[in-house]
Amino acid sequence: MAMFYVAESHTNVEDPNLVGRISVFDRNGKFLRIIGKTGTGPGEFRTPHAIEFDSQGRLIVADRHNHRIQILTKEGKYLAEWREFSRVSGLAIDGNDTIYAADSESDPKRHPGWLKGIRIGSLKDGKVTIFVPPHKTDAPDGAMGEGIAIDSAGNLFTAEATVRGVTKYVKD
């Protein structure tokens, strides 16, 4: 049965009514269940900003405000979390289970000690092996896209909220 997973949250995390969850619907739009709740523990979210499935059918969640990626079963059981990918806004996963994580928000105020950029690694071990720094703008810490996608040739595309456009990163 085809299902749709919807990451819900994009409000101020100081809001007492903050929603942080993933809702699951069938292909006809009938609500099936909720995965997770608002919080900082395993299986809890503060701004689940992007979701993808890997080749094993695991649900990969960019839990942006908690500065981590969470790995869950498709039913929502917590399996692991990785903080090496920083404050992730966007995710893409290729056929080899390489993960591309776009961090568009790290700065000294929101995530001290981390840089905006794309972190690339393996879903097999969670290690970051490549870092693509932000591109230069008038902002001192540059810009990086929120959304990210990869094409069949290995080129990356990021949707840029700051500079209002799309940036293409060409694979060498």
N, C-alpha and C. Protein backbone atom coordinates (compact mmCIF):
# COMPACT_ATOMS: atom_id res chain seq x y z
N MET A 1 0.85 -1.18 0.00
CA MET A 1 0.00 0.00 0.00
C MET A 1 0.89 1.24 0.00
N ALA A 2 0.64 2.16 -0.91
CA ALA A 2 1.38 3.42 -0.97
C ALA A 2 0.97 4.30 0.20
N MET A 3 1.98 4.91 0.82
CA MET A 3 1.73 5.82 1.94
C MET A 3 2.50 7.11 1.71
N PHE A 4 2.00 8.18 2.31
CA PHE A 4 2.64 9.48 2.25
C PHE A 4 3.03 9.89 3.65
N TYR A 5 4.26 10.36 3.79
CA TYR A 5 4.79 10.82 5.06
C TYR A 5 4.96 12.32 4.97
N VAL A 6 4.43 13.05 5.95
CA VAL A 6 4.48 14.51 5.95
C VAL A 6 5.15 14.98 7.23
N ALA A 7 6.29 15.68 7.09
CA ALA A 7 6.97 16.27 8.24
C ALA A 7 6.23 17.55 8.60
N GLU A 8 5.85 17.65 9.87
CA GLU A 8 5.07 18.81 10.31
C GLU A 8 5.83 19.60 11.37
N SER A 9 6.18 20.83 11.05
CA SER A 9 6.75 21.78 11.99
C SER A 9 7.53 22.80 11.21
N HIS A 10 7.26 24.03 11.48
CA HIS A 10 8.08 25.09 10.90
C HIS A 10 7.79 26.39 11.63
N THR A 11 7.52 26.26 12.91
CA THR A 11 7.23 27.44 13.72
C THR A 11 8.39 27.71 14.66
N ASN A 12 8.30 28.77 15.37
CA ASN A 12 9.28 29.15 16.37
C ASN A 12 9.34 28.05 17.44
N VAL A 13 10.52 27.52 17.70
CA VAL A 13 10.62 26.44 18.68
C VAL A 13 10.33 26.91 20.11
N GLU A 14 10.25 28.20 20.32
CA GLU A 14 9.87 28.73 21.64
C GLU A 14 8.35 28.73 21.81
N ASP A 15 7.61 28.52 20.73
CA ASP A 15 6.15 28.51 20.78
C ASP A 15 5.67 27.35 21.65
N PRO A 16 4.85 27.62 22.66
CA PRO A 16 4.38 26.53 23.54
C PRO A 16 3.50 25.52 22.81
N ASN A 17 2.98 25.88 21.64
CA ASN A 17 2.15 24.97 20.86
C ASN A 17 2.92 24.34 19.71
N LEU A 18 4.25 24.31 19.82
CA LEU A 18 5.09 23.76 18.77
C LEU A 18 4.67 22.33 18.43
N VAL A 19 4.55 22.08 17.14
CA VAL A 19 4.25 20.74 16.64
C VAL A 19 5.52 20.19 16.02
N GLY A 20 5.91 18.98 16.38
CA GLY A 20 7.06 18.30 15.80
C GLY A 20 6.71 16.84 15.63
N ARG A 21 6.30 16.47 14.42
CA ARG A 21 5.86 15.09 14.20
C ARG A 21 5.87 14.79 12.71
N ILE A 22 5.66 13.53 12.41
CA ILE A 22 5.49 13.09 11.03
C ILE A 22 4.15 12.39 10.97
N SER A 23 3.29 12.85 10.07
CA SER A 23 1.98 12.24 9.89
C SER A 23 2.02 11.33 8.67
N VAL A 24 1.33 10.20 8.78
CA VAL A 24 1.33 9.21 7.71
C VAL A 24 -0.10 9.07 7.18
N PHE A 25 -0.23 9.10 5.85
CA PHE A 25 -1.52 9.01 5.18
C PHE A 25 -1.46 7.90 4.14
N ASP A 26 -2.62 7.31 3.83
CA ASP A 26 -2.66 6.35 2.73
C ASP A 26 -2.76 7.11 1.42
N ARG A 27 -2.76 6.39 0.30
CA ARG A 27 -2.73 7.05 -0.99
C ARG A 27 -3.99 7.84 -1.32
N ASN A 28 -5.06 7.62 -0.57
CA ASN A 28 -6.29 8.38 -0.75
C ASN A 28 -6.39 9.57 0.19
N GLY A 29 -5.34 9.78 0.99
CA GLY A 29 -5.33 10.92 1.91
C GLY A 29 -5.91 10.62 3.28
N LYS A 30 -6.24 9.36 3.54
CA LYS A 30 -6.78 8.99 4.85
C LYS A 30 -5.64 8.95 5.87
N PHE A 31 -5.83 9.68 6.97
CA PHE A 31 -4.84 9.70 8.04
C PHE A 31 -4.69 8.31 8.65
N LEU A 32 -3.44 7.86 8.80
CA LEU A 32 -3.16 6.55 9.38
C LEU A 32 -2.58 6.62 10.78
N ARG A 33 -1.53 7.46 10.94
CA ARG A 33 -0.87 7.51 12.25
C ARG A 33 0.10 8.70 12.32
N ILE A 34 0.57 8.94 13.53
CA ILE A 34 1.59 9.95 13.79
C ILE A 34 2.85 9.24 14.25
N ILE A 35 3.98 9.71 13.76
CA ILE A 35 5.28 9.23 14.22
C ILE A 35 5.92 10.36 15.00
N GLY A 36 6.34 10.05 16.21
CA GLY A 36 7.07 11.02 17.03
C GLY A 36 6.19 12.06 17.68
N LYS A 37 6.87 12.95 18.39
CA LYS A 37 6.22 14.07 19.05
C LYS A 37 7.26 15.17 19.24
N THR A 38 6.83 16.30 19.73
CA THR A 38 7.72 17.42 19.96
C THR A 38 8.66 17.10 21.12
N GLY A 39 9.94 17.33 20.93
CA GLY A 39 10.90 17.12 22.01
C GLY A 39 12.31 16.93 21.49
N THR A 40 13.19 16.54 22.40
CA THR A 40 14.61 16.39 22.08
C THR A 40 15.12 14.97 22.23
N GLY A 41 14.29 14.05 22.68
CA GLY A 41 14.72 12.67 22.89
C GLY A 41 14.67 11.85 21.62
N PRO A 42 15.03 10.57 21.72
CA PRO A 42 14.95 9.69 20.57
C PRO A 42 13.51 9.60 20.04
N GLY A 43 13.36 9.78 18.72
CA GLY A 43 12.04 9.72 18.11
C GLY A 43 11.20 10.96 18.34
N GLU A 44 11.79 12.00 18.93
CA GLU A 44 11.11 13.28 19.12
C GLU A 44 11.76 14.31 18.20
N PHE A 45 11.00 15.33 17.82
CA PHE A 45 11.48 16.28 16.82
C PHE A 45 11.23 17.73 17.23
N ARG A 46 12.14 18.58 16.77
CA ARG A 46 11.94 20.03 16.79
C ARG A 46 12.33 20.50 15.39
N THR A 47 11.36 20.73 14.58
CA THR A 47 11.48 21.09 13.17
C THR A 47 12.03 19.93 12.34
N PRO A 48 11.23 18.87 12.18
CA PRO A 48 11.62 17.85 11.20
C PRO A 48 11.45 18.47 9.81
N HIS A 49 12.55 18.90 9.22
CA HIS A 49 12.50 19.76 8.03
C HIS A 49 12.52 19.02 6.72
N ALA A 50 13.01 17.78 6.72
CA ALA A 50 13.05 16.98 5.49
C ALA A 50 13.04 15.51 5.86
N ILE A 51 12.44 14.70 4.99
CA ILE A 51 12.41 13.26 5.22
C ILE A 51 12.67 12.53 3.90
N GLU A 52 13.35 11.41 3.99
CA GLU A 52 13.65 10.56 2.83
C GLU A 52 13.68 9.12 3.32
N PHE A 53 13.57 8.19 2.39
CA PHE A 53 13.75 6.78 2.68
C PHE A 53 15.04 6.31 2.02
N ASP A 54 15.77 5.41 2.71
CA ASP A 54 16.97 4.84 2.10
C ASP A 54 16.61 3.52 1.42
N SER A 55 17.60 2.82 0.90
CA SER A 55 17.36 1.58 0.15
C SER A 55 16.82 0.46 1.03
N GLN A 56 17.02 0.57 2.34
CA GLN A 56 16.52 -0.44 3.28
C GLN A 56 15.10 -0.12 3.76
N GLY A 57 14.54 0.99 3.29
CA GLY A 57 13.20 1.39 3.71
C GLY A 57 13.17 2.11 5.03
N ARG A 58 14.35 2.52 5.51
CA ARG A 58 14.40 3.28 6.77
C ARG A 58 14.01 4.73 6.49
N LEU A 59 13.35 5.33 7.46
CA LEU A 59 12.95 6.73 7.37
C LEU A 59 14.08 7.59 7.93
N ILE A 60 14.61 8.47 7.09
CA ILE A 60 15.71 9.35 7.47
C ILE A 60 15.12 10.75 7.65
N VAL A 61 15.29 11.32 8.85
CA VAL A 61 14.64 12.58 9.20
C VAL A 61 15.69 13.65 9.51
N ALA A 62 15.59 14.79 8.84
CA ALA A 62 16.41 15.96 9.17
C ALA A 62 15.71 16.67 10.32
N ASP A 63 16.14 16.41 11.53
CA ASP A 63 15.57 17.00 12.74
C ASP A 63 16.36 18.29 13.01
N ARG A 64 16.03 19.33 12.24
CA ARG A 64 16.87 20.51 12.13
C ARG A 64 17.18 21.20 13.46
N HIS A 65 16.19 21.53 14.23
CA HIS A 65 16.47 22.31 15.43
C HIS A 65 17.16 21.49 16.52
N ASN A 66 17.11 20.17 16.42
CA ASN A 66 17.86 19.31 17.34
C ASN A 66 19.25 18.99 16.80
N HIS A 67 19.63 19.59 15.68
CA HIS A 67 20.97 19.44 15.09
C HIS A 67 21.34 17.98 14.88
N ARG A 68 20.45 17.23 14.22
CA ARG A 68 20.75 15.81 14.01
C ARG A 68 19.91 15.24 12.87
N ILE A 69 20.34 14.09 12.43
CA ILE A 69 19.55 13.25 11.55
C ILE A 69 19.11 12.07 12.40
N GLN A 70 17.83 11.74 12.33
CA GLN A 70 17.34 10.55 13.02
C GLN A 70 17.01 9.48 12.00
N ILE A 71 17.26 8.25 12.36
CA ILE A 71 16.96 7.11 11.52
C ILE A 71 15.91 6.28 12.24
N LEU A 72 14.79 6.06 11.55
CA LEU A 72 13.66 5.33 12.12
C LEU A 72 13.22 4.23 11.16
N THR A 73 12.48 3.26 11.67
CA THR A 73 11.83 2.33 10.77
C THR A 73 10.68 3.07 10.12
N LYS A 74 10.10 2.50 9.07
CA LYS A 74 8.97 3.18 8.41
C LYS A 74 7.76 3.23 9.33
N GLU A 75 7.75 2.39 10.37
CA GLU A 75 6.67 2.44 11.37
C GLU A 75 6.94 3.49 12.44
N GLY A 76 8.18 4.01 12.49
CA GLY A 76 8.51 5.07 13.43
C GLY A 76 9.37 4.65 14.61
N LYS A 77 9.85 3.42 14.63
CA LYS A 77 10.72 2.98 15.72
C LYS A 77 12.10 3.61 15.56
N TYR A 78 12.58 4.21 16.63
CA TYR A 78 13.89 4.86 16.64
C TYR A 78 15.00 3.82 16.49
N LEU A 79 15.94 4.09 15.57
CA LEU A 79 17.09 3.20 15.37
C LEU A 79 18.40 3.87 15.75
N ALA A 80 18.59 5.12 15.32
CA ALA A 80 19.87 5.81 15.57
C ALA A 80 19.71 7.29 15.28
N GLU A 81 20.74 8.04 15.67
CA GLU A 81 20.82 9.46 15.30
C GLU A 81 22.27 9.79 15.01
N TRP A 82 22.45 10.75 14.10
CA TRP A 82 23.78 11.22 13.74
C TRP A 82 23.80 12.73 13.83
N ARG A 83 24.77 13.25 14.55
CA ARG A 83 24.92 14.70 14.70
C ARG A 83 26.00 15.26 13.77
N GLU A 84 26.76 14.38 13.11
CA GLU A 84 27.87 14.78 12.24
C GLU A 84 27.43 15.59 11.03
N PHE A 85 26.14 15.52 10.70
CA PHE A 85 25.65 16.21 9.52
C PHE A 85 25.16 17.63 9.82
N SER A 86 25.24 18.03 11.10
CA SER A 86 24.95 19.39 11.54
C SER A 86 23.45 19.69 11.60
N ARG A 87 23.10 20.92 11.29
CA ARG A 87 21.72 21.43 11.39
C ARG A 87 21.07 21.31 10.01
N VAL A 88 20.54 20.15 9.71
CA VAL A 88 20.13 19.80 8.35
C VAL A 88 18.76 20.37 7.99
N SER A 89 18.72 21.07 6.86
CA SER A 89 17.47 21.58 6.31
C SER A 89 16.94 20.70 5.20
N GLY A 90 17.84 20.13 4.38
CA GLY A 90 17.42 19.34 3.25
C GLY A 90 18.23 18.06 3.12
N LEU A 91 17.58 17.02 2.60
CA LEU A 91 18.21 15.71 2.43
C LEU A 91 18.01 15.20 1.01
N ALA A 92 19.01 14.50 0.51
CA ALA A 92 18.88 13.71 -0.71
C ALA A 92 19.68 12.43 -0.48
N ILE A 93 19.20 11.34 -1.03
CA ILE A 93 19.86 10.05 -0.89
C ILE A 93 19.93 9.43 -2.28
N ASP A 94 21.14 8.98 -2.68
CA ASP A 94 21.25 8.36 -4.00
C ASP A 94 21.10 6.85 -3.90
N GLY A 95 21.22 6.16 -5.02
CA GLY A 95 21.02 4.72 -5.08
C GLY A 95 22.05 3.90 -4.33
N ASN A 96 23.16 4.51 -3.96
CA ASN A 96 24.21 3.83 -3.20
C ASN A 96 24.11 4.13 -1.71
N ASP A 97 23.00 4.73 -1.29
CA ASP A 97 22.81 5.15 0.10
C ASP A 97 23.84 6.18 0.56
N THR A 98 24.25 7.02 -0.39
CA THR A 98 25.05 8.19 -0.03
C THR A 98 24.05 9.28 0.33
N ILE A 99 24.29 9.93 1.46
CA ILE A 99 23.38 10.97 1.93
C ILE A 99 24.02 12.34 1.69
N TYR A 100 23.20 13.26 1.21
CA TYR A 100 23.59 14.64 0.94
C TYR A 100 22.73 15.50 1.86
N ALA A 101 23.37 16.17 2.81
CA ALA A 101 22.65 16.93 3.82
C ALA A 101 23.00 18.41 3.70
N ALA A 102 22.00 19.23 3.40
CA ALA A 102 22.21 20.68 3.25
C ALA A 102 21.93 21.38 4.56
N ASP A 103 22.92 22.10 5.05
CA ASP A 103 22.79 22.90 6.27
C ASP A 103 22.76 24.37 5.85
N SER A 104 21.59 24.97 5.90
CA SER A 104 21.43 26.36 5.45
C SER A 104 21.43 27.36 6.61
N GLU A 105 21.53 26.88 7.84
CA GLU A 105 21.31 27.78 8.97
C GLU A 105 22.42 27.88 10.00
N SER A 106 23.41 27.02 9.98
CA SER A 106 24.42 27.09 11.03
C SER A 106 25.14 28.43 10.99
N ASP A 107 25.25 29.02 12.15
CA ASP A 107 25.96 30.28 12.33
C ASP A 107 26.29 30.38 13.82
N PRO A 108 27.04 31.40 14.22
CA PRO A 108 27.44 31.48 15.63
C PRO A 108 26.27 31.54 16.62
N LYS A 109 25.12 32.03 16.18
CA LYS A 109 23.97 32.14 17.09
C LYS A 109 23.18 30.83 17.16
N ARG A 110 22.85 30.24 16.00
CA ARG A 110 21.97 29.07 15.98
C ARG A 110 22.67 27.73 16.16
N HIS A 111 23.94 27.65 15.76
CA HIS A 111 24.69 26.39 15.89
C HIS A 111 26.18 26.73 15.95
N PRO A 112 26.62 27.23 17.11
CA PRO A 112 28.00 27.68 17.27
C PRO A 112 29.02 26.60 16.91
N GLY A 113 30.06 27.02 16.19
CA GLY A 113 31.15 26.12 15.85
C GLY A 113 30.94 25.33 14.57
N TRP A 114 29.80 25.49 13.93
CA TRP A 114 29.49 24.75 12.71
C TRP A 114 29.33 25.73 11.55
N LEU A 115 29.61 25.25 10.34
CA LEU A 115 29.46 26.06 9.14
C LEU A 115 28.29 25.56 8.31
N LYS A 116 27.64 26.49 7.63
CA LYS A 116 26.68 26.12 6.60
C LYS A 116 27.42 25.31 5.55
N GLY A 117 26.68 24.47 4.83
CA GLY A 117 27.31 23.73 3.75
C GLY A 117 26.59 22.42 3.50
N ILE A 118 27.13 21.65 2.58
CA ILE A 118 26.59 20.32 2.28
C ILE A 118 27.56 19.30 2.84
N ARG A 119 27.02 18.39 3.64
CA ARG A 119 27.82 17.29 4.19
C ARG A 119 27.37 16.01 3.49
N ILE A 120 28.34 15.30 2.97
CA ILE A 120 28.07 14.09 2.20
C ILE A 120 28.70 12.92 2.92
N GLY A 121 27.94 11.84 3.04
CA GLY A 121 28.46 10.67 3.72
C GLY A 121 27.67 9.43 3.36
N SER A 122 27.90 8.38 4.12
CA SER A 122 27.26 7.10 3.85
C SER A 122 26.22 6.77 4.91
N LEU A 123 25.08 6.26 4.45
CA LEU A 123 24.07 5.80 5.39
C LEU A 123 24.44 4.46 6.01
N LYS A 124 25.51 3.85 5.53
CA LYS A 124 25.96 2.59 6.10
C LYS A 124 26.63 2.81 7.46
N ASP A 125 27.40 3.90 7.58
CA ASP A 125 28.11 4.14 8.83
C ASP A 125 27.90 5.53 9.43
N GLY A 126 27.22 6.43 8.71
CA GLY A 126 26.93 7.76 9.24
C GLY A 126 28.10 8.71 9.28
N LYS A 127 29.17 8.38 8.59
CA LYS A 127 30.35 9.25 8.60
C LYS A 127 30.29 10.25 7.45
N VAL A 128 30.62 11.49 7.75
CA VAL A 128 30.72 12.54 6.74
C VAL A 128 32.09 12.42 6.09
N THR A 129 32.12 12.33 4.76
CA THR A 129 33.39 12.18 4.04
C THR A 129 33.72 13.39 3.17
N ILE A 130 32.71 14.20 2.84
CA ILE A 130 32.93 15.37 1.99
C ILE A 130 32.15 16.54 2.57
N PHE A 131 32.78 17.72 2.55
CA PHE A 131 32.10 18.95 2.94
C PHE A 131 32.19 19.95 1.81
N VAL A 132 31.04 20.45 1.37
CA VAL A 132 30.98 21.50 0.35
C VAL A 132 30.63 22.80 1.09
N PRO A 133 31.54 23.76 1.11
CA PRO A 133 31.29 24.99 1.87
C PRO A 133 30.21 25.85 1.23
N PRO A 134 29.69 26.81 1.99
CA PRO A 134 28.69 27.72 1.43
C PRO A 134 29.32 28.58 0.34
N HIS A 135 28.47 29.05 -0.57
CA HIS A 135 29.00 29.95 -1.59
C HIS A 135 28.96 31.37 -1.06
N LYS A 136 29.78 32.19 -1.64
CA LYS A 136 29.94 33.56 -1.17
C LYS A 136 28.74 34.43 -1.53
N THR A 137 28.35 35.25 -0.56
CA THR A 137 27.31 36.26 -0.76
C THR A 137 27.75 37.49 0.03
N ASP A 138 26.85 38.45 0.15
CA ASP A 138 27.15 39.62 0.96
C ASP A 138 27.19 39.27 2.45
N ALA A 139 26.57 38.16 2.83
CA ALA A 139 26.59 37.72 4.23
C ALA A 139 27.98 37.16 4.55
N PRO A 140 28.51 37.46 5.73
CA PRO A 140 29.87 37.01 6.06
C PRO A 140 30.02 35.49 6.08
N ASP A 141 28.93 34.76 6.38
CA ASP A 141 29.03 33.30 6.44
C ASP A 141 28.49 32.62 5.18
N GLY A 142 28.26 33.38 4.11
CA GLY A 142 27.83 32.82 2.85
C GLY A 142 26.40 32.33 2.86
N ALA A 143 26.05 31.55 1.84
CA ALA A 143 24.70 31.03 1.71
C ALA A 143 24.74 29.57 1.31
N MET A 144 23.71 28.85 1.71
CA MET A 144 23.56 27.45 1.34
C MET A 144 22.07 27.19 1.21
N GLY A 145 21.72 26.32 0.28
CA GLY A 145 20.32 26.01 0.04
C GLY A 145 19.67 25.22 1.16
N GLU A 146 18.33 25.34 1.22
CA GLU A 146 17.55 24.56 2.19
C GLU A 146 17.17 23.21 1.62
N GLY A 147 16.63 23.21 0.41
CA GLY A 147 16.28 21.96 -0.24
C GLY A 147 17.45 21.47 -1.05
N ILE A 148 17.53 20.15 -1.24
CA ILE A 148 18.64 19.60 -2.02
C ILE A 148 18.13 18.40 -2.83
N ALA A 149 18.67 18.27 -4.03
CA ALA A 149 18.32 17.14 -4.89
C ALA A 149 19.56 16.73 -5.66
N ILE A 150 19.57 15.47 -6.11
CA ILE A 150 20.69 14.97 -6.90
C ILE A 150 20.12 14.36 -8.18
N ASP A 151 20.80 14.59 -9.31
CA ASP A 151 20.33 14.00 -10.56
C ASP A 151 21.09 12.71 -10.86
N SER A 152 20.75 12.05 -11.95
CA SER A 152 21.35 10.76 -12.28
C SER A 152 22.85 10.87 -12.62
N ALA A 153 23.31 12.06 -12.96
CA ALA A 153 24.72 12.27 -13.26
C ALA A 153 25.53 12.62 -12.01
N GLY A 154 24.87 12.75 -10.86
CA GLY A 154 25.57 13.07 -9.62
C GLY A 154 25.69 14.55 -9.33
N ASN A 155 25.02 15.39 -10.12
CA ASN A 155 25.02 16.83 -9.86
C ASN A 155 24.03 17.15 -8.76
N LEU A 156 24.42 18.08 -7.90
CA LEU A 156 23.55 18.50 -6.80
C LEU A 156 22.88 19.83 -7.13
N PHE A 157 21.66 19.99 -6.66
CA PHE A 157 20.92 21.24 -6.81
C PHE A 157 20.40 21.63 -5.44
N THR A 158 20.59 22.90 -5.08
CA THR A 158 20.03 23.38 -3.82
C THR A 158 19.07 24.53 -4.08
N ALA A 159 17.97 24.52 -3.35
CA ALA A 159 16.98 25.59 -3.42
C ALA A 159 17.39 26.64 -2.39
N GLU A 160 17.68 27.81 -2.88
CA GLU A 160 18.25 28.88 -2.07
C GLU A 160 17.20 29.87 -1.59
N ALA A 161 16.94 29.88 -0.29
CA ALA A 161 15.99 30.84 0.27
C ALA A 161 16.65 32.22 0.38
N THR A 162 17.92 32.26 0.75
CA THR A 162 18.62 33.54 0.96
C THR A 162 18.78 34.33 -0.32
N VAL A 163 19.26 33.67 -1.37
CA VAL A 163 19.50 34.38 -2.63
C VAL A 163 18.39 34.14 -3.65
N ARG A 164 17.35 33.43 -3.23
CA ARG A 164 16.15 33.21 -4.04
C ARG A 164 16.45 32.64 -5.42
N GLY A 165 16.89 31.40 -5.44
CA GLY A 165 17.18 30.75 -6.70
C GLY A 165 17.62 29.31 -6.47
N VAL A 166 18.18 28.71 -7.50
CA VAL A 166 18.69 27.36 -7.43
C VAL A 166 20.18 27.40 -7.77
N THR A 167 20.97 26.68 -6.99
CA THR A 167 22.40 26.57 -7.26
C THR A 167 22.70 25.14 -7.68
N LYS A 168 23.47 24.99 -8.76
CA LYS A 168 23.86 23.67 -9.24
C LYS A 168 25.33 23.44 -8.90
N TYR A 169 25.61 22.29 -8.31
CA TYR A 169 26.96 21.86 -8.01
C TYR A 169 27.25 20.70 -8.94
N VAL A 170 28.23 20.87 -9.85
CA VAL A 170 28.52 19.88 -10.88
C VAL A 170 29.53 18.88 -10.35
N LYS A 171 29.21 17.59 -10.55
CA LYS A 171 30.11 16.53 -10.13
C LYS A 171 31.32 16.49 -11.07
N ASP A 172 32.52 16.43 -10.50
CA ASP A 172 33.75 16.34 -11.32
C ASP A 172 33.94 14.95 -11.85
